[in-house]
Protein backbone atom coordinates (compact mmCIF):
# COMPACT_ATOMS: atom_id res chain seq x y z
CA MET A 1 -117.53 65.50 -10.48
CA LYS A 2 -115.23 68.50 -10.27
CA ASN A 3 -112.25 66.36 -11.35
CA SER A 4 -114.20 64.98 -14.31
CA LYS A 5 -114.97 68.49 -15.53
CA MET A 6 -111.31 69.42 -15.28
CA VAL A 7 -110.25 66.34 -17.32
CA PHE A 8 -112.87 67.01 -19.99
CA SER A 9 -111.90 70.67 -20.12
CA PHE A 10 -108.24 69.76 -20.58
CA ALA A 11 -109.10 67.21 -23.27
CA ALA A 12 -111.27 69.73 -25.09
CA THR A 13 -108.48 72.32 -24.96
CA VAL A 14 -105.93 69.86 -26.34
CA GLY A 15 -108.36 68.71 -29.02
CA ALA A 16 -109.00 72.27 -30.10
CA ALA A 17 -105.29 72.98 -30.28
CA LEU A 18 -104.67 69.91 -32.40
CA LEU A 19 -107.57 70.83 -34.69
CA LEU A 20 -106.17 74.31 -35.20
CA ALA A 21 -102.73 72.90 -35.97
CA VAL A 22 -104.12 70.44 -38.51
CA THR A 23 -106.25 73.13 -40.13
CA ALA A 24 -103.34 75.52 -40.36
CA SER A 25 -101.20 72.78 -41.81
CA ALA A 26 -103.83 72.00 -44.44
CA GLN A 27 -104.13 75.65 -45.41
CA ALA A 28 -100.35 76.28 -45.56
CA PRO A 29 -98.69 75.88 -48.98
CA ALA A 30 -96.83 72.62 -49.50
CA ALA A 31 -93.08 72.75 -48.82
CA ALA A 32 -90.79 72.51 -51.79
CA ALA A 33 -89.44 69.01 -52.43
CA PRO A 34 -85.74 68.56 -51.59
CA PRO A 35 -83.39 68.42 -54.56
CA ALA A 36 -82.78 64.96 -55.92
CA LEU A 37 -79.50 63.30 -54.96
CA PRO A 38 -77.01 62.62 -57.76
CA PRO A 39 -77.07 59.03 -58.97
CA LEU A 40 -74.57 56.72 -57.35
CA SER A 41 -71.67 55.53 -59.47
CA ASN A 42 -72.01 52.00 -60.76
CA ALA A 43 -68.26 51.45 -60.48
CA PRO A 44 -67.37 48.93 -57.74
CA ALA A 45 -65.70 50.34 -54.64
CA LYS A 46 -61.99 49.60 -54.30
CA ILE A 47 -61.05 49.30 -50.63
CA ALA A 48 -57.69 48.72 -48.98
CA THR A 49 -56.32 48.54 -45.45
CA ILE A 50 -53.20 50.23 -44.09
CA GLN A 51 -51.32 49.91 -40.81
CA TRP A 52 -50.73 53.61 -40.33
CA ASP A 53 -48.32 53.45 -37.39
CA ALA A 54 -46.19 50.77 -39.04
CA ALA A 55 -46.18 52.73 -42.30
CA LEU A 56 -44.85 55.82 -40.52
CA LEU A 57 -42.20 54.12 -38.41
CA ASN A 58 -40.83 51.85 -41.15
CA THR A 59 -40.08 54.59 -43.64
CA LYS A 60 -36.51 55.85 -43.84
CA ASP A 61 -37.57 59.02 -42.05
CA GLY A 62 -39.38 57.00 -39.40
CA LYS A 63 -36.36 54.80 -38.70
CA ALA A 64 -34.12 57.85 -38.53
CA ALA A 65 -36.51 59.55 -36.09
CA GLN A 66 -36.56 56.45 -33.87
CA ALA A 67 -32.77 56.28 -33.86
CA ASP A 68 -32.59 59.96 -32.92
CA LEU A 69 -35.05 59.45 -30.07
CA GLU A 70 -33.07 56.50 -28.76
CA LYS A 71 -29.87 58.50 -28.94
CA ARG A 72 -31.34 61.43 -27.02
CA LEU A 73 -33.41 59.51 -24.47
CA GLY A 74 -31.27 56.38 -24.11
CA PRO A 75 -28.74 57.77 -21.61
CA LYS A 76 -31.49 58.94 -19.26
CA GLN A 77 -33.22 55.58 -19.51
CA GLN A 78 -29.99 53.78 -18.69
CA GLU A 79 -29.45 56.05 -15.70
CA LEU A 80 -32.91 55.25 -14.35
CA GLN A 81 -32.30 51.54 -14.88
CA LYS A 82 -29.02 51.74 -12.93
CA ARG A 83 -30.73 53.50 -10.03
CA GLU A 84 -33.37 50.79 -9.97
CA ASP A 85 -30.67 48.09 -9.93
CA ASP A 86 -28.88 49.89 -7.09
CA LEU A 87 -32.06 49.98 -5.00
CA ARG A 88 -32.61 46.30 -5.66
CA GLY A 89 -29.05 45.66 -4.50
CA LEU A 90 -29.70 47.47 -1.21
CA GLN A 91 -32.83 45.39 -0.66
CA GLU A 92 -30.88 42.18 -1.30
CA GLN A 93 -28.21 43.40 1.10
CA ILE A 94 -30.81 43.66 3.87
CA GLN A 95 -32.11 40.19 3.08
CA ARG A 96 -28.62 38.68 3.10
CA GLY A 97 -27.85 40.38 6.42
CA GLY A 98 -30.60 38.51 8.16
CA THR A 99 -30.02 38.41 11.90
CA THR A 100 -26.32 39.28 11.62
CA MET A 101 -26.90 42.87 10.48
CA SER A 102 -27.37 45.45 13.19
CA ASP A 103 -30.70 47.22 13.51
CA THR A 104 -28.96 50.55 12.94
CA LYS A 105 -27.51 49.36 9.63
CA LYS A 106 -30.85 47.92 8.53
CA ALA A 107 -32.66 51.17 9.37
CA ASP A 108 -30.08 53.19 7.44
CA LEU A 109 -30.41 50.96 4.37
CA GLN A 110 -34.20 51.06 4.60
CA ARG A 111 -34.15 54.88 4.66
CA GLN A 112 -31.93 54.88 1.56
CA ILE A 113 -34.34 52.52 -0.20
CA GLU A 114 -37.41 54.56 0.65
CA SER A 115 -35.83 57.87 -0.33
CA GLY A 116 -34.33 56.45 -3.50
CA THR A 117 -37.61 54.79 -4.51
CA LYS A 118 -39.57 58.04 -4.19
CA SER A 119 -36.98 59.94 -6.19
CA LEU A 120 -36.83 57.21 -8.84
CA GLN A 121 -40.60 57.12 -9.24
CA ARG A 122 -40.75 60.89 -9.68
CA ASP A 123 -37.92 60.99 -12.20
CA SER A 124 -39.30 57.97 -14.07
CA GLN A 125 -42.67 59.68 -14.47
CA ASP A 126 -40.98 62.84 -15.74
CA PHE A 127 -38.98 60.76 -18.21
CA GLN A 128 -42.08 58.91 -19.39
CA ASP A 129 -43.94 62.18 -19.95
CA GLU A 130 -40.99 63.59 -21.90
CA ALA A 131 -40.66 60.45 -24.02
CA GLN A 132 -44.37 60.39 -24.86
CA ALA A 133 -44.31 64.06 -25.83
CA GLU A 134 -41.34 63.46 -28.12
CA GLU A 135 -43.03 60.41 -29.67
CA ARG A 136 -46.21 62.38 -30.35
CA LYS A 137 -44.16 65.11 -31.98
CA VAL A 138 -42.45 62.56 -34.24
CA PHE A 139 -45.79 61.00 -35.24
CA VAL A 140 -47.28 64.39 -36.09
CA GLU A 141 -44.31 65.34 -38.26
CA LEU A 142 -44.27 61.98 -40.04
CA SER A 143 -48.05 62.05 -40.56
CA GLU A 144 -47.88 65.46 -42.22
CA LYS A 145 -45.30 64.10 -44.68
CA MET A 146 -47.12 60.82 -45.27
CA GLN A 147 -50.66 62.11 -45.90
CA PRO A 148 -50.05 63.59 -49.38
CA VAL A 149 -48.16 60.43 -50.39
CA VAL A 150 -51.07 58.21 -49.32
CA LYS A 151 -53.59 60.44 -51.07
CA LYS A 152 -51.64 60.34 -54.33
CA PHE A 153 -51.13 56.58 -54.03
CA ALA A 154 -54.87 56.01 -53.50
CA ILE A 155 -55.88 58.22 -56.44
CA ASP A 156 -53.28 56.76 -58.80
CA ASN A 157 -54.40 53.22 -57.95
CA GLY A 158 -58.16 53.91 -58.00
CA TYR A 159 -58.90 53.32 -54.31
CA THR A 160 -62.16 54.74 -53.01
CA LEU A 161 -61.62 53.95 -49.32
CA LEU A 162 -58.60 53.27 -47.08
CA LEU A 163 -59.12 51.75 -43.61
CA ASN A 164 -56.56 52.23 -40.84
CA VAL A 165 -56.18 48.91 -38.98
CA SER A 166 -53.29 49.90 -36.70
CA ASP A 167 -55.50 50.00 -33.62
CA GLN A 168 -56.41 46.62 -32.15
CA ASN A 169 -59.86 48.06 -31.43
CA SER A 170 -60.43 48.83 -35.10
CA ASN A 171 -63.96 48.25 -36.41
CA VAL A 172 -62.51 46.09 -39.19
CA LEU A 173 -63.14 42.50 -38.12
CA TRP A 174 -61.41 40.80 -41.05
CA ALA A 175 -59.66 41.69 -44.26
CA ALA A 176 -57.84 39.61 -46.85
CA ASP A 177 -54.06 39.85 -46.83
CA GLY A 178 -54.04 41.20 -50.35
CA MET A 179 -55.95 44.30 -49.24
CA ASP A 180 -53.08 45.62 -47.09
CA ILE A 181 -51.06 48.35 -48.86
CA THR A 182 -48.72 49.24 -45.97
CA ALA A 183 -45.55 47.98 -47.66
CA ALA A 184 -46.46 49.63 -50.96
CA VAL A 185 -47.08 52.98 -49.23
CA ILE A 186 -43.74 52.76 -47.40
CA ASP A 187 -42.01 52.15 -50.72
CA ALA A 188 -43.85 55.05 -52.36
CA TYR A 189 -42.89 57.38 -49.48
CA ASP A 190 -39.22 56.43 -49.54
CA LYS A 191 -39.07 57.04 -53.30
CA THR A 192 -40.47 60.56 -52.94
CA ALA A 193 -38.68 61.56 -49.72
CA PRO A 194 -35.45 63.53 -50.21
CA ALA A 195 -32.31 61.49 -49.66
CA ALA A 196 -30.43 62.12 -46.44
CA PRO A 197 -27.22 64.12 -46.95
CA ALA A 198 -24.14 61.94 -47.16
CA ALA A 199 -21.64 62.20 -44.34
CA PRO A 200 -18.58 64.25 -45.28
CA LYS A 201 -15.51 62.20 -46.12
CA THR A 202 -12.59 62.60 -43.78
CA THR A 203 -8.98 61.84 -44.55
CA ALA A 204 -7.33 59.60 -42.01
CA PRO A 205 -4.35 61.33 -40.34
CA LYS A 206 -0.94 59.95 -41.13
CA PRO A 207 0.84 58.14 -38.30
CA PRO A 208 3.62 60.18 -36.67
CA ALA A 209 7.18 59.42 -37.66
CA ALA A 210 9.14 57.14 -35.34
CA THR A 211 11.26 59.10 -32.85
CA GLY A 212 12.94 56.26 -31.06
CA ALA A 213 11.33 57.19 -27.75
CA LYS A 214 10.91 54.40 -25.24
CA PRO A 215 7.41 53.03 -24.60
CA PRO A 216 5.80 53.97 -21.29
CA ALA A 217 6.55 51.75 -18.35
CA ALA A 218 4.09 48.99 -17.50
CA GLY A 219 1.29 50.08 -15.24
CA THR A 220 1.19 53.65 -16.49
CA PRO A 221 -2.48 54.61 -16.92
CA ALA A 222 -3.55 55.51 -20.41
CA ALA A 223 -4.69 59.03 -21.18
CA PRO A 224 -8.39 59.47 -20.46
CA LYS A 225 -10.67 59.48 -23.46
CA PRO A 226 -12.93 62.52 -24.00
CA ALA A 227 -16.38 62.08 -22.55
CA PRO A 228 -19.12 61.64 -25.18
CA ALA A 229 -21.13 64.75 -25.90
CA LYS A 230 -24.52 64.75 -24.19
C-alpha cells in the first residue's frame, strides 16, 4: 500500500507540472511567425563534374611543378633504389653460396643485410614524408591559382553546381560524359596563366683554331666532366 501511494503521489506531481506548463503555454502570447523564404528560381539547375586533381596536374603550371619535383626528389629516389638492389644482391649471394660458403662469411653478409635494411627503411620513410609534404604544398599552390578560374568559368557558362569526382569514393554514382568540364577548365587556366619566361639565347662558342698539336696517345683518360649540381 505504501508503494501505491508513492506511485500515485509521483503521478499527481507530474500531472500537476504538465498542467501548469500547458496553462502557461496557453496564456503566453503566440510566437511571431518566421519570415517567409524567398521563392525558388524556376530556372533549371546546370550541373557539371570536374576531376579536380587531374585539372590541377595537367595545366602547364601543374606539369612544370611535377617536373620540378621529379628533378629535386629523383636523385634521392634513385639512391634508395640502388641500396635496395644492393641488399637484394647480398641476399642472392648467400643463396648462391649454399653449403660452400663459410659460416663466418654468411654471418657477416647477414649482418650487412640486417643493418642495411633498417637504415633503408628509416631513410625511405623520411623520403616518403618529404615527398608527400612537397606534393601537398604543390597542390595547395595550384588550388589557390585554379579556384578563381573555375569560379569565373562556372559563372560565365551559367553553372549552378560543380561536383568534384576525383575521389573514387565520391558520392556521385554516375554522370554523363558530356557533364565533365575538366579539359575545358584546364584550357581556360592555361589561357589566363602568365607564360613562362623564355630561356635566354646563348651563342655557341667558336671552335679553337688548329694548332697542329698531336692528338693524345691511345688509352689516355679523358678529362672528367663536372658533376651535376645537386
